[in-house]
Amino acid sequence: MKVDETKEMYLEAIYLLALENENVRAVDVAKAMGYTKPSISVAIKKLKGEGYLETDDHGFICLTEKGLDVSKPLYQRHMIIAEILMAMGVNKGTAYEDSCKIEHDLSDESFSAICRYFGKYPEKG
């Protein structure tokens, strides 16, 4: 399932926040992404309408299975690319910044080839 880069960025940010804290709020996403709360609210409403996330009565955000199907592999891709770049001598900050750019544009075929070449295997499911 191909999702546009903007949605990927939101979903990955929510996934990362959920790894750190069980309760993710729109204000947390706004702070993490450097966007205004109104912008985040619009995006969350859209992502919710498309079935990528749910919100509860307290405003906490939870990724649905559909949202996890996008965000978890994207996060793994980000981490593997950063790890490979650091192994090649790129400093940590640059590696993570560049991996964020690369992860959205790299084809599945190329990513799989890179993983095989470097002996990296993303988790399934």
PDB file of N, CA and C in Angstrom:
ATOM      1  N   MET A   1       0.843  -1.172   0.000  1.00  0.00           N
ATOM      2  CA  MET A   1       0.000   0.000   0.000  1.00  0.00           C
ATOM      3  C   MET A   1       0.890   1.238   0.000  1.00  0.00           C
ATOM      4  N   LYS A   2       0.786   2.062  -1.032  1.00  0.00           N
ATOM      5  CA  LYS A   2       1.575   3.283  -1.134  1.00  0.00           C
ATOM      6  C   LYS A   2       0.792   4.442  -0.530  1.00  0.00           C
ATOM      7  N   VAL A   3       1.435   5.124   0.385  1.00  0.00           N
ATOM      8  CA  VAL A   3       0.834   6.257   1.085  1.00  0.00           C
ATOM      9  C   VAL A   3       1.709   7.472   0.785  1.00  0.00           C
ATOM     10  N   ASP A   4       1.098   8.645   0.625  1.00  0.00           N
ATOM     11  CA  ASP A   4       1.903   9.818   0.302  1.00  0.00           C
ATOM     12  C   ASP A   4       2.816  10.188   1.483  1.00  0.00           C
ATOM     13  N   GLU A   5       3.879  10.897   1.152  1.00  0.00           N
ATOM     14  CA  GLU A   5       4.923  11.204   2.128  1.00  0.00           C
ATOM     15  C   GLU A   5       4.415  11.973   3.338  1.00  0.00           C
ATOM     16  N   THR A   6       3.486  12.885   3.140  1.00  0.00           N
ATOM     17  CA  THR A   6       2.952  13.664   4.253  1.00  0.00           C
ATOM     18  C   THR A   6       2.274  12.756   5.270  1.00  0.00           C
ATOM     19  N   LYS A   7       1.440  11.843   4.787  1.00  0.00           N
ATOM     20  CA  LYS A   7       0.781  10.892   5.690  1.00  0.00           C
ATOM     21  C   LYS A   7       1.821  10.030   6.394  1.00  0.00           C
ATOM     22  N   GLU A   8       2.826   9.593   5.640  1.00  0.00           N
ATOM     23  CA  GLU A   8       3.880   8.783   6.238  1.00  0.00           C
ATOM     24  C   GLU A   8       4.559   9.521   7.388  1.00  0.00           C
ATOM     25  N   MET A   9       4.828  10.801   7.184  1.00  0.00           N
ATOM     26  CA  MET A   9       5.502  11.594   8.218  1.00  0.00           C
ATOM     27  C   MET A   9       4.654  11.667   9.494  1.00  0.00           C
ATOM     28  N   TYR A  10       3.363  11.933   9.341  1.00  0.00           N
ATOM     29  CA  TYR A  10       2.470  11.983  10.506  1.00  0.00           C
ATOM     30  C   TYR A  10       2.388  10.629  11.197  1.00  0.00           C
ATOM     31  N   LEU A  11       2.195   9.580  10.420  1.00  0.00           N
ATOM     32  CA  LEU A  11       2.035   8.248  11.003  1.00  0.00           C
ATOM     33  C   LEU A  11       3.303   7.794  11.718  1.00  0.00           C
ATOM     34  N   GLU A  12       4.451   8.075  11.115  1.00  0.00           N
ATOM     35  CA  GLU A  12       5.704   7.706  11.768  1.00  0.00           C
ATOM     36  C   GLU A  12       5.909   8.503  13.050  1.00  0.00           C
ATOM     37  N   ALA A  13       5.582   9.777  13.039  1.00  0.00           N
ATOM     38  CA  ALA A  13       5.715  10.600  14.246  1.00  0.00           C
ATOM     39  C   ALA A  13       4.826  10.064  15.361  1.00  0.00           C
ATOM     40  N   ILE A  14       3.604   9.702  15.026  1.00  0.00           N
ATOM     41  CA  ILE A  14       2.691   9.146  16.026  1.00  0.00           C
ATOM     42  C   ILE A  14       3.221   7.811  16.538  1.00  0.00           C
ATOM     43  N   TYR A  15       3.742   6.995  15.636  1.00  0.00           N
ATOM     44  CA  TYR A  15       4.310   5.701  16.031  1.00  0.00           C
ATOM     45  C   TYR A  15       5.471   5.892  17.015  1.00  0.00           C
ATOM     46  N   LEU A  16       6.364   6.811  16.696  1.00  0.00           N
ATOM     47  CA  LEU A  16       7.510   7.092  17.575  1.00  0.00           C
ATOM     48  C   LEU A  16       7.051   7.583  18.943  1.00  0.00           C
ATOM     49  N   LEU A  17       6.086   8.481  18.953  1.00  0.00           N
ATOM     50  CA  LEU A  17       5.567   8.987  20.224  1.00  0.00           C
ATOM     51  C   LEU A  17       4.918   7.867  21.026  1.00  0.00           C
ATOM     52  N   ALA A  18       4.213   6.969  20.350  1.00  0.00           N
ATOM     53  CA  ALA A  18       3.557   5.849  21.032  1.00  0.00           C
ATOM     54  C   ALA A  18       4.572   4.872  21.617  1.00  0.00           C
ATOM     55  N   LEU A  19       5.746   4.776  21.003  1.00  0.00           N
ATOM     56  CA  LEU A  19       6.801   3.925  21.560  1.00  0.00           C
ATOM     57  C   LEU A  19       7.316   4.485  22.884  1.00  0.00           C
ATOM     58  N   GLU A  20       7.301   5.809  22.995  1.00  0.00           N
ATOM     59  CA  GLU A  20       7.806   6.491  24.180  1.00  0.00           C
ATOM     60  C   GLU A  20       6.752   6.646  25.270  1.00  0.00           C
ATOM     61  N   ASN A  21       5.479   6.790  24.863  1.00  0.00           N
ATOM     62  CA  ASN A  21       4.421   7.077  25.821  1.00  0.00           C
ATOM     63  C   ASN A  21       3.113   6.464  25.318  1.00  0.00           C
ATOM     64  N   GLU A  22       2.437   5.757  26.169  1.00  0.00           N
ATOM     65  CA  GLU A  22       1.188   5.090  25.792  1.00  0.00           C
ATOM     66  C   GLU A  22       0.120   6.088  25.346  1.00  0.00           C
ATOM     67  N   ASN A  23       0.106   7.253  25.947  1.00  0.00           N
ATOM     68  CA  ASN A  23      -0.912   8.264  25.649  1.00  0.00           C
ATOM     69  C   ASN A  23      -0.335   9.366  24.766  1.00  0.00           C
ATOM     70  N   VAL A  24      -0.727   9.367  23.501  1.00  0.00           N
ATOM     71  CA  VAL A  24      -0.269  10.361  22.542  1.00  0.00           C
ATOM     72  C   VAL A  24      -1.422  11.333  22.266  1.00  0.00           C
ATOM     73  N   ARG A  25      -1.109  12.621  22.363  1.00  0.00           N
ATOM     74  CA  ARG A  25      -2.106  13.659  22.110  1.00  0.00           C
ATOM     75  C   ARG A  25      -1.684  14.495  20.907  1.00  0.00           C
ATOM     76  N   ALA A  26      -2.629  15.233  20.357  1.00  0.00           N
ATOM     77  CA  ALA A  26      -2.336  16.088  19.202  1.00  0.00           C
ATOM     78  C   ALA A  26      -1.226  17.082  19.532  1.00  0.00           C
ATOM     79  N   VAL A  27      -1.231  17.614  20.733  1.00  0.00           N
ATOM     80  CA  VAL A  27      -0.209  18.584  21.124  1.00  0.00           C
ATOM     81  C   VAL A  27       1.184  17.940  21.118  1.00  0.00           C
ATOM     82  N   ASP A  28       1.261  16.650  21.448  1.00  0.00           N
ATOM     83  CA  ASP A  28       2.542  15.934  21.405  1.00  0.00           C
ATOM     84  C   ASP A  28       3.044  15.818  19.969  1.00  0.00           C
ATOM     85  N   VAL A  29       2.119  15.510  19.065  1.00  0.00           N
ATOM     86  CA  VAL A  29       2.467  15.389  17.648  1.00  0.00           C
ATOM     87  C   VAL A  29       2.911  16.753  17.109  1.00  0.00           C
ATOM     88  N   ALA A  30       2.197  17.806  17.474  1.00  0.00           N
ATOM     89  CA  ALA A  30       2.547  19.159  17.041  1.00  0.00           C
ATOM     90  C   ALA A  30       3.956  19.528  17.495  1.00  0.00           C
ATOM     91  N   LYS A  31       4.246  19.247  18.747  1.00  0.00           N
ATOM     92  CA  LYS A  31       5.568  19.568  19.298  1.00  0.00           C
ATOM     93  C   LYS A  31       6.662  18.756  18.596  1.00  0.00           C
ATOM     94  N   ALA A  32       6.423  17.460  18.410  1.00  0.00           N
ATOM     95  CA  ALA A  32       7.421  16.588  17.791  1.00  0.00           C
ATOM     96  C   ALA A  32       7.706  16.975  16.340  1.00  0.00           C
ATOM     97  N   MET A  33       6.661  17.408  15.635  1.00  0.00           N
ATOM     98  CA  MET A  33       6.825  17.719  14.218  1.00  0.00           C
ATOM     99  C   MET A  33       7.099  19.192  13.946  1.00  0.00           C
ATOM    100  N   GLY A  34       6.911  20.042  14.966  1.00  0.00           N
ATOM    101  CA  GLY A  34       7.135  21.467  14.788  1.00  0.00           C
ATOM    102  C   GLY A  34       6.021  22.161  14.015  1.00  0.00           C
ATOM    103  N   TYR A  35       4.825  21.609  14.084  1.00  0.00           N
ATOM    104  CA  TYR A  35       3.657  22.183  13.419  1.00  0.00           C
ATOM    105  C   TYR A  35       2.722  22.783  14.458  1.00  0.00           C
ATOM    106  N   THR A  36       1.780  23.590  13.997  1.00  0.00           N
ATOM    107  CA  THR A  36       0.804  24.154  14.915  1.00  0.00           C
ATOM    108  C   THR A  36      -0.250  23.102  15.256  1.00  0.00           C
ATOM    109  N   LYS A  37      -0.879  23.282  16.409  1.00  0.00           N
ATOM    110  CA  LYS A  37      -1.921  22.341  16.823  1.00  0.00           C
ATOM    111  C   LYS A  37      -3.083  22.326  15.832  1.00  0.00           C
ATOM    112  N   PRO A  38      -3.521  23.471  15.281  1.00  0.00           N
ATOM    113  CA  PRO A  38      -4.592  23.415  14.283  1.00  0.00           C
ATOM    114  C   PRO A  38      -4.217  22.578  13.044  1.00  0.00           C
ATOM    115  N   SER A  39      -2.967  22.685  12.589  1.00  0.00           N
ATOM    116  CA  SER A  39      -2.522  21.883  11.442  1.00  0.00           C
ATOM    117  C   SER A  39      -2.578  20.401  11.771  1.00  0.00           C
ATOM    118  N   ILE A  40      -2.133  20.061  12.965  1.00  0.00           N
ATOM    119  CA  ILE A  40      -2.150  18.664  13.400  1.00  0.00           C
ATOM    120  C   ILE A  40      -3.582  18.172  13.526  1.00  0.00           C
ATOM    121  N   SER A  41      -4.455  18.992  14.054  1.00  0.00           N
ATOM    122  CA  SER A  41      -5.859  18.597  14.213  1.00  0.00           C
ATOM    123  C   SER A  41      -6.500  18.263  12.870  1.00  0.00           C
ATOM    124  N   VAL A  42      -6.204  19.058  11.845  1.00  0.00           N
ATOM    125  CA  VAL A  42      -6.729  18.794  10.503  1.00  0.00           C
ATOM    126  C   VAL A  42      -6.184  17.467   9.986  1.00  0.00           C
ATOM    127  N   ALA A  43      -4.892  17.253  10.140  1.00  0.00           N
ATOM    128  CA  ALA A  43      -4.263  16.011   9.664  1.00  0.00           C
ATOM    129  C   ALA A  43      -4.818  14.800  10.409  1.00  0.00           C
ATOM    130  N   ILE A  44      -4.975  14.919  11.708  1.00  0.00           N
ATOM    131  CA  ILE A  44      -5.493  13.808  12.512  1.00  0.00           C
ATOM    132  C   ILE A  44      -6.920  13.467  12.084  1.00  0.00           C
ATOM    133  N   LYS A  45      -7.714  14.483  11.848  1.00  0.00           N
ATOM    134  CA  LYS A  45      -9.095  14.256  11.408  1.00  0.00           C
ATOM    135  C   LYS A  45      -9.100  13.498  10.078  1.00  0.00           C
ATOM    136  N   LYS A  46      -8.220  13.893   9.174  1.00  0.00           N
ATOM    137  CA  LYS A  46      -8.131  13.243   7.863  1.00  0.00           C
ATOM    138  C   LYS A  46      -7.646  11.795   8.009  1.00  0.00           C
ATOM    139  N   LEU A  47      -6.587  11.597   8.790  1.00  0.00           N
ATOM    140  CA  LEU A  47      -6.043  10.243   8.991  1.00  0.00           C
ATOM    141  C   LEU A  47      -7.056   9.336   9.690  1.00  0.00           C
ATOM    142  N   LYS A  48      -7.801   9.910  10.605  1.00  0.00           N
ATOM    143  CA  LYS A  48      -8.854   9.159  11.298  1.00  0.00           C
ATOM    144  C   LYS A  48      -9.935   8.748  10.294  1.00  0.00           C
ATOM    145  N   GLY A  49     -10.341   9.679   9.444  1.00  0.00           N
ATOM    146  CA  GLY A  49     -11.352   9.402   8.431  1.00  0.00           C
ATOM    147  C   GLY A  49     -10.927   8.342   7.429  1.00  0.00           C
ATOM    148  N   GLU A  50      -9.624   8.236   7.208  1.00  0.00           N
ATOM    149  CA  GLU A  50      -9.084   7.244   6.274  1.00  0.00           C
ATOM    150  C   GLU A  50      -8.761   5.917   6.967  1.00  0.00           C
ATOM    151  N   GLY A  51      -9.014   5.850   8.276  1.00  0.00           N
ATOM    152  CA  GLY A  51      -8.841   4.589   8.996  1.00  0.00           C
ATOM    153  C   GLY A  51      -7.440   4.295   9.495  1.00  0.00           C
ATOM    154  N   TYR A  52      -6.550   5.301   9.515  1.00  0.00           N
ATOM    155  CA  TYR A  52      -5.174   5.082   9.970  1.00  0.00           C
ATOM    156  C   TYR A  52      -5.024   5.207  11.483  1.00  0.00           C
ATOM    157  N   LEU A  53      -5.955   5.907  12.117  1.00  0.00           N
ATOM    158  CA  LEU A  53      -5.870   6.073  13.563  1.00  0.00           C
ATOM    159  C   LEU A  53      -7.245   6.276  14.159  1.00  0.00           C
ATOM    160  N   GLU A  54      -7.282   6.182  15.472  1.00  0.00           N
ATOM    161  CA  GLU A  54      -8.502   6.417  16.237  1.00  0.00           C
ATOM    162  C   GLU A  54      -8.154   7.368  17.373  1.00  0.00           C
ATOM    163  N   THR A  55      -9.163   8.065  17.855  1.00  0.00           N
ATOM    164  CA  THR A  55      -8.989   8.881  19.048  1.00  0.00           C
ATOM    165  C   THR A  55     -10.051   8.462  20.060  1.00  0.00           C
ATOM    166  N   ASP A  56      -9.692   8.551  21.343  1.00  0.00           N
ATOM    167  CA  ASP A  56     -10.669   8.180  22.372  1.00  0.00           C
ATOM    168  C   ASP A  56     -11.335   9.439  22.943  1.00  0.00           C
ATOM    169  N   ASP A  57     -12.169   9.241  23.946  1.00  0.00           N
ATOM    170  CA  ASP A  57     -12.912  10.354  24.550  1.00  0.00           C
ATOM    171  C   ASP A  57     -12.013  11.386  25.215  1.00  0.00           C
ATOM    172  N   HIS A  58     -10.773  10.993  25.536  1.00  0.00           N
ATOM    173  CA  HIS A  58      -9.826  11.903  26.184  1.00  0.00           C
ATOM    174  C   HIS A  58      -8.916  12.596  25.165  1.00  0.00           C
ATOM    175  N   GLY A  59      -9.108  12.283  23.873  1.00  0.00           N
ATOM    176  CA  GLY A  59      -8.294  12.891  22.824  1.00  0.00           C
ATOM    177  C   GLY A  59      -6.984  12.169  22.564  1.00  0.00           C
ATOM    178  N   PHE A  60      -6.814  10.994  23.161  1.00  0.00           N
ATOM    179  CA  PHE A  60      -5.588  10.236  22.922  1.00  0.00           C
ATOM    180  C   PHE A  60      -5.665   9.568  21.553  1.00  0.00           C
ATOM    181  N   ILE A  61      -4.541   9.551  20.871  1.00  0.00           N
ATOM    182  CA  ILE A  61      -4.446   9.028  19.510  1.00  0.00           C
ATOM    183  C   ILE A  61      -3.859   7.626  19.546  1.00  0.00           C
ATOM    184  N   CYS A  62      -4.473   6.739  18.783  1.00  0.00           N
ATOM    185  CA  CYS A  62      -3.993   5.360  18.698  1.00  0.00           C
ATOM    186  C   CYS A  62      -3.985   4.940  17.232  1.00  0.00           C
ATOM    187  N   LEU A  63      -2.877   4.391  16.767  1.00  0.00           N
ATOM    188  CA  LEU A  63      -2.821   3.903  15.395  1.00  0.00           C
ATOM    189  C   LEU A  63      -3.663   2.641  15.266  1.00  0.00           C
ATOM    190  N   THR A  64      -4.390   2.540  14.177  1.00  0.00           N
ATOM    191  CA  THR A  64      -5.133   1.317  13.887  1.00  0.00           C
ATOM    192  C   THR A  64      -4.169   0.319  13.248  1.00  0.00           C
ATOM    193  N   GLU A  65      -4.669  -0.857  12.957  1.00  0.00           N
ATOM    194  CA  GLU A  65      -3.833  -1.853  12.273  1.00  0.00           C
ATOM    195  C   GLU A  65      -3.352  -1.283  10.934  1.00  0.00           C
ATOM    196  N   LYS A  66      -4.230  -0.586  10.241  1.00  0.00           N
ATOM    197  CA  LYS A  66      -3.864   0.049   8.964  1.00  0.00           C
ATOM    198  C   LYS A  66      -2.753   1.081   9.171  1.00  0.00           C
ATOM    199  N   GLY A  67      -2.844   1.857  10.227  1.00  0.00           N
ATOM    200  CA  GLY A  67      -1.816   2.844  10.540  1.00  0.00           C
ATOM    201  C   GLY A  67      -0.489   2.199  10.909  1.00  0.00           C
ATOM    202  N   LEU A  68      -0.576   1.114  11.664  1.00  0.00           N
ATOM    203  CA  LEU A  68       0.641   0.376  12.032  1.00  0.00           C
ATOM    204  C   LEU A  68       1.284  -0.284  10.818  1.00  0.00           C
ATOM    205  N   ASP A  69       0.454  -0.732   9.863  1.00  0.00           N
ATOM    206  CA  ASP A  69       0.979  -1.358   8.645  1.00  0.00           C
ATOM    207  C   ASP A  69       1.827  -0.391   7.829  1.00  0.00           C
ATOM    208  N   VAL A  70       1.587   0.899   7.992  1.00  0.00           N
ATOM    209  CA  VAL A  70       2.381   1.919   7.304  1.00  0.00           C
ATOM    210  C   VAL A  70       3.544   2.376   8.180  1.00  0.00           C
ATOM    211  N   SER A  71       3.267   2.697   9.435  1.00  0.00           N
ATOM    212  CA  SER A  71       4.263   3.347  10.285  1.00  0.00           C
ATOM    213  C   SER A  71       5.379   2.432  10.768  1.00  0.00           C
ATOM    214  N   LYS A  72       5.062   1.205  11.127  1.00  0.00           N
ATOM    215  CA  LYS A  72       6.097   0.316  11.671  1.00  0.00           C
ATOM    216  C   LYS A  72       7.173  -0.022  10.631  1.00  0.00           C
ATOM    217  N   PRO A  73       6.808  -0.447   9.418  1.00  0.00           N
ATOM    218  CA  PRO A  73       7.859  -0.708   8.415  1.00  0.00           C
ATOM    219  C   PRO A  73       8.636   0.555   8.043  1.00  0.00           C
ATOM    220  N   LEU A  74       7.954   1.690   8.040  1.00  0.00           N
ATOM    221  CA  LEU A  74       8.619   2.952   7.727  1.00  0.00           C
ATOM    222  C   LEU A  74       9.666   3.282   8.789  1.00  0.00           C
ATOM    223  N   TYR A  75       9.298   3.092  10.051  1.00  0.00           N
ATOM    224  CA  TYR A  75      10.236   3.315  11.147  1.00  0.00           C
ATOM    225  C   TYR A  75      11.426   2.366  11.044  1.00  0.00           C
ATOM    226  N   GLN A  76      11.154   1.100  10.745  1.00  0.00           N
ATOM    227  CA  GLN A  76      12.244   0.124  10.594  1.00  0.00           C
ATOM    228  C   GLN A  76      13.165   0.522   9.444  1.00  0.00           C
ATOM    229  N   ARG A  77      12.577   0.965   8.353  1.00  0.00           N
ATOM    230  CA  ARG A  77      13.352   1.406   7.195  1.00  0.00           C
ATOM    231  C   ARG A  77      14.247   2.578   7.598  1.00  0.00           C
ATOM    232  N   HIS A  78      13.676   3.531   8.323  1.00  0.00           N
ATOM    233  CA  HIS A  78      14.413   4.696   8.811  1.00  0.00           C
ATOM    234  C   HIS A  78      15.621   4.251   9.646  1.00  0.00           C
ATOM    235  N   MET A  79      15.379   3.345  10.585  1.00  0.00           N
ATOM    236  CA  MET A  79      16.434   2.902  11.491  1.00  0.00           C
ATOM    237  C   MET A  79      17.523   2.115  10.763  1.00  0.00           C
ATOM    238  N   ILE A  80      17.133   1.245   9.846  1.00  0.00           N
ATOM    239  CA  ILE A  80      18.118   0.448   9.098  1.00  0.00           C
ATOM    240  C   ILE A  80      18.975   1.335   8.217  1.00  0.00           C
ATOM    241  N   ILE A  81      18.351   2.268   7.523  1.00  0.00           N
ATOM    242  CA  ILE A  81      19.122   3.177   6.661  1.00  0.00           C
ATOM    243  C   ILE A  81      20.087   4.009   7.498  1.00  0.00           C
ATOM    244  N   ALA A  82      19.625   4.535   8.628  1.00  0.00           N
ATOM    245  CA  ALA A  82      20.501   5.321   9.508  1.00  0.00           C
ATOM    246  C   ALA A  82      21.663   4.467  10.006  1.00  0.00           C
ATOM    247  N   GLU A  83      21.364   3.238  10.410  1.00  0.00           N
ATOM    248  CA  GLU A  83      22.418   2.337  10.912  1.00  0.00           C
ATOM    249  C   GLU A  83      23.475   2.073   9.839  1.00  0.00           C
ATOM    250  N   ILE A  84      23.034   1.843   8.617  1.00  0.00           N
ATOM    251  CA  ILE A  84      23.966   1.599   7.516  1.00  0.00           C
ATOM    252  C   ILE A  84      24.804   2.845   7.241  1.00  0.00           C
ATOM    253  N   LEU A  85      24.173   4.004   7.218  1.00  0.00           N
ATOM    254  CA  LEU A  85      24.919   5.242   6.987  1.00  0.00           C
ATOM    255  C   LEU A  85      25.967   5.468   8.078  1.00  0.00           C
ATOM    256  N   MET A  86      25.598   5.211   9.338  1.00  0.00           N
ATOM    257  CA  MET A  86      26.569   5.377  10.430  1.00  0.00           C
ATOM    258  C   MET A  86      27.704   4.371  10.304  1.00  0.00           C
ATOM    259  N   ALA A  87      27.402   3.155   9.881  1.00  0.00           N
ATOM    260  CA  ALA A  87      28.445   2.139   9.688  1.00  0.00           C
ATOM    261  C   ALA A  87      29.415   2.552   8.583  1.00  0.00           C
ATOM    262  N   MET A  88      28.932   3.373   7.660  1.00  0.00           N
ATOM    263  CA  MET A  88      29.773   3.861   6.566  1.00  0.00           C
ATOM    264  C   MET A  88      30.525   5.131   6.950  1.00  0.00           C
ATOM    265  N   GLY A  89      30.347   5.602   8.197  1.00  0.00           N
ATOM    266  CA  GLY A  89      31.102   6.746   8.682  1.00  0.00           C
ATOM    267  C   GLY A  89      30.348   8.056   8.770  1.00  0.00           C
ATOM    268  N   VAL A  90      29.062   8.052   8.460  1.00  0.00           N
ATOM    269  CA  VAL A  90      28.263   9.274   8.558  1.00  0.00           C
ATOM    270  C   VAL A  90      27.944   9.526  10.029  1.00  0.00           C
ATOM    271  N   ASN A  91      28.044  10.777  10.480  1.00  0.00           N
ATOM    272  CA  ASN A  91      27.756  11.052  11.892  1.00  0.00           C
ATOM    273  C   ASN A  91      26.279  10.793  12.177  1.00  0.00           C
ATOM    274  N   LYS A  92      25.989  10.511  13.439  1.00  0.00           N
ATOM    275  CA  LYS A  92      24.655  10.079  13.857  1.00  0.00           C
ATOM    276  C   LYS A  92      23.555  11.058  13.442  1.00  0.00           C
ATOM    277  N   GLY A  93      23.737  12.336  13.712  1.00  0.00           N
ATOM    278  CA  GLY A  93      22.716  13.323  13.391  1.00  0.00           C
ATOM    279  C   GLY A  93      22.406  13.374  11.905  1.00  0.00           C
ATOM    280  N   THR A  94      23.449  13.406  11.100  1.00  0.00           N
ATOM    281  CA  THR A  94      23.273  13.441   9.650  1.00  0.00           C
ATOM    282  C   THR A  94      22.642  12.141   9.152  1.00  0.00           C
ATOM    283  N   ALA A  95      23.067  11.013   9.712  1.00  0.00           N
ATOM    284  CA  ALA A  95      22.527   9.712   9.295  1.00  0.00           C
ATOM    285  C   ALA A  95      21.020   9.640   9.523  1.00  0.00           C
ATOM    286  N   TYR A  96      20.557  10.090  10.684  1.00  0.00           N
ATOM    287  CA  TYR A  96      19.117  10.049  10.965  1.00  0.00           C
ATOM    288  C   TYR A  96      18.353  11.052  10.106  1.00  0.00           C
ATOM    289  N   GLU A  97      18.947  12.217   9.901  1.00  0.00           N
ATOM    290  CA  GLU A  97      18.298  13.232   9.065  1.00  0.00           C
ATOM    291  C   GLU A  97      18.179  12.747   7.621  1.00  0.00           C
ATOM    292  N   ASP A  98      19.273  12.199   7.094  1.00  0.00           N
ATOM    293  CA  ASP A  98      19.261  11.711   5.713  1.00  0.00           C
ATOM    294  C   ASP A  98      18.367  10.484   5.553  1.00  0.00           C
ATOM    295  N   SER A  99      18.359   9.611   6.552  1.00  0.00           N
ATOM    296  CA  SER A  99      17.528   8.409   6.443  1.00  0.00           C
ATOM    297  C   SER A  99      16.050   8.785   6.375  1.00  0.00           C
ATOM    298  N   CYS A 100      15.677   9.868   7.038  1.00  0.00           N
ATOM    299  CA  CYS A 100      14.294  10.336   6.998  1.00  0.00           C
ATOM    300  C   CYS A 100      13.915  10.764   5.583  1.00  0.00           C
ATOM    301  N   LYS A 101      14.854  11.350   4.876  1.00  0.00           N
ATOM    302  CA  LYS A 101      14.604  11.773   3.498  1.00  0.00           C
ATOM    303  C   LYS A 101      14.571  10.572   2.552  1.00  0.00           C
ATOM    304  N   ILE A 102      15.511   9.676   2.737  1.00  0.00           N
ATOM    305  CA  ILE A 102      15.662   8.520   1.850  1.00  0.00           C
ATOM    306  C   ILE A 102      14.500   7.545   1.985  1.00  0.00           C
ATOM    307  N   GLU A 103      14.045   7.316   3.208  1.00  0.00           N
ATOM    308  CA  GLU A 103      13.043   6.278   3.466  1.00  0.00           C
ATOM    309  C   GLU A 103      11.773   6.451   2.656  1.00  0.00           C
ATOM    310  N   HIS A 104      11.405   7.678   2.337  1.00  0.00           N
ATOM    311  CA  HIS A 104      10.152   7.934   1.634  1.00  0.00           C
ATOM    312  C   HIS A 104      10.260   7.729   0.125  1.00  0.00           C
ATOM    313  N   ASP A 105      11.443   7.863  -0.414  1.00  0.00           N
ATOM    314  CA  ASP A 105      11.617   7.806  -1.867  1.00  0.00           C
ATOM    315  C   ASP A 105      12.244   6.518  -2.371  1.00  0.00           C
ATOM    316  N   LEU A 106      12.861   5.770  -1.501  1.00  0.00           N
ATOM    317  CA  LEU A 106      13.538   4.537  -1.893  1.00  0.00           C
ATOM    318  C   LEU A 106      12.512   3.450  -2.197  1.00  0.00           C
ATOM    319  N   SER A 107      12.647   2.798  -3.331  1.00  0.00           N
ATOM    320  CA  SER A 107      11.703   1.735  -3.695  1.00  0.00           C
ATOM    321  C   SER A 107      11.881   0.532  -2.767  1.00  0.00           C
ATOM    322  N   ASP A 108      10.846  -0.279  -2.680  1.00  0.00           N
ATOM    323  CA  ASP A 108      10.929  -1.508  -1.886  1.00  0.00           C
ATOM    324  C   ASP A 108      12.013  -2.425  -2.425  1.00  0.00           C
ATOM    325  N   GLU A 109      12.141  -2.479  -3.747  1.00  0.00           N
ATOM    326  CA  GLU A 109      13.156  -3.329  -4.372  1.00  0.00           C
ATOM    327  C   GLU A 109      14.565  -2.893  -3.959  1.00  0.00           C
ATOM    328  N   SER A 110      14.830  -1.596  -4.037  1.00  0.00           N
ATOM    329  CA  SER A 110      16.161  -1.098  -3.658  1.00  0.00           C
ATOM    330  C   SER A 110      16.420  -1.281  -2.168  1.00  0.00           C
ATOM    331  N   PHE A 111      15.405  -1.019  -1.349  1.00  0.00           N
ATOM    332  CA  PHE A 111      15.577  -1.197   0.094  1.00  0.00           C
ATOM    333  C   PHE A 111      15.878  -2.659   0.423  1.00  0.00           C
ATOM    334  N   SER A 112      15.162  -3.578  -0.210  1.00  0.00           N
ATOM    335  CA  SER A 112      15.405  -5.006   0.018  1.00  0.00           C
ATOM    336  C   SER A 112      16.820  -5.394  -0.402  1.00  0.00           C
ATOM    337  N   ALA A 113      17.280  -4.872  -1.530  1.00  0.00           N
ATOM    338  CA  ALA A 113      18.633  -5.167  -2.003  1.00  0.00           C
ATOM    339  C   ALA A 113      19.686  -4.627  -1.033  1.00  0.00           C
ATOM    340  N   ILE A 114      19.465  -3.413  -0.537  1.00  0.00           N
ATOM    341  CA  ILE A 114      20.389  -2.826   0.446  1.00  0.00           C
ATOM    342  C   ILE A 114      20.420  -3.671   1.714  1.00  0.00           C
ATOM    343  N   CYS A 115      19.252  -4.082   2.178  1.00  0.00           N
ATOM    344  CA  CYS A 115      19.181  -4.916   3.385  1.00  0.00           C
ATOM    345  C   CYS A 115      19.933  -6.231   3.182  1.00  0.00           C
ATOM    346  N   ARG A 116      19.714  -6.867   2.040  1.00  0.00           N
ATOM    347  CA  ARG A 116      20.423  -8.129   1.763  1.00  0.00           C
ATOM    348  C   ARG A 116      21.926  -7.897   1.717  1.00  0.00           C
ATOM    349  N   TYR A 117      22.348  -6.848   1.047  1.00  0.00           N
ATOM    350  CA  TYR A 117      23.769  -6.556   0.895  1.00  0.00           C
ATOM    351  C   TYR A 117      24.445  -6.340   2.248  1.00  0.00           C
ATOM    352  N   PHE A 118      23.771  -5.619   3.129  1.00  0.00           N
ATOM    353  CA  PHE A 118      24.341  -5.296   4.436  1.00  0.00           C
ATOM    354  C   PHE A 118      23.928  -6.276   5.531  1.00  0.00           C
ATOM    355  N   GLY A 119      23.182  -7.324   5.170  1.00  0.00           N
ATOM    356  CA  GLY A 119      22.776  -8.329   6.149  1.00  0.00           C
ATOM    357  C   GLY A 119      21.801  -7.813   7.197  1.00  0.00           C
ATOM    358  N   LYS A 120      20.932  -6.911   6.789  1.00  0.00           N
ATOM    359  CA  LYS A 120      19.913  -6.348   7.680  1.00  0.00           C
ATOM    360  C   LYS A 120      18.561  -6.905   7.263  1.00  0.00           C
ATOM    361  N   TYR A 121      17.775  -7.312   8.237  1.00  0.00           N
ATOM    362  CA  TYR A 121      16.488  -7.899   7.918  1.00  0.00           C
ATOM    363  C   TYR A 121      15.409  -7.292   8.802  1.00  0.00           C
ATOM    364  N   PRO A 122      14.518  -6.477   8.193  1.00  0.00           N
ATOM    365  CA  PRO A 122      13.448  -5.861   8.962  1.00  0.00           C
ATOM    366  C   PRO A 122      12.536  -6.928   9.565  1.00  0.00           C
ATOM    367  N   GLU A 123      11.968  -6.602  10.720  1.00  0.00           N
ATOM    368  CA  GLU A 123      11.007  -7.502  11.361  1.00  0.00           C
ATOM    369  C   GLU A 123       9.777  -7.623  10.492  1.00  0.00           C
ATOM    370  N   LYS A 124       9.170  -8.774  10.497  1.00  0.00           N
ATOM    371  CA  LYS A 124       7.912  -8.982   9.778  1.00  0.00           C
ATOM    372  C   LYS A 124       6.750  -8.721  10.719  1.00  0.00           C
ATOM    373  N   GLY A 125       5.662  -8.155  10.163  1.00  0.00           N
ATOM    374  CA  GLY A 125       4.426  -7.985  10.927  1.00  0.00           C
ATOM    375  C   GLY A 125       4.478  -7.032  11.998  1.00  0.00           C
TER     376      GLY A 125
END
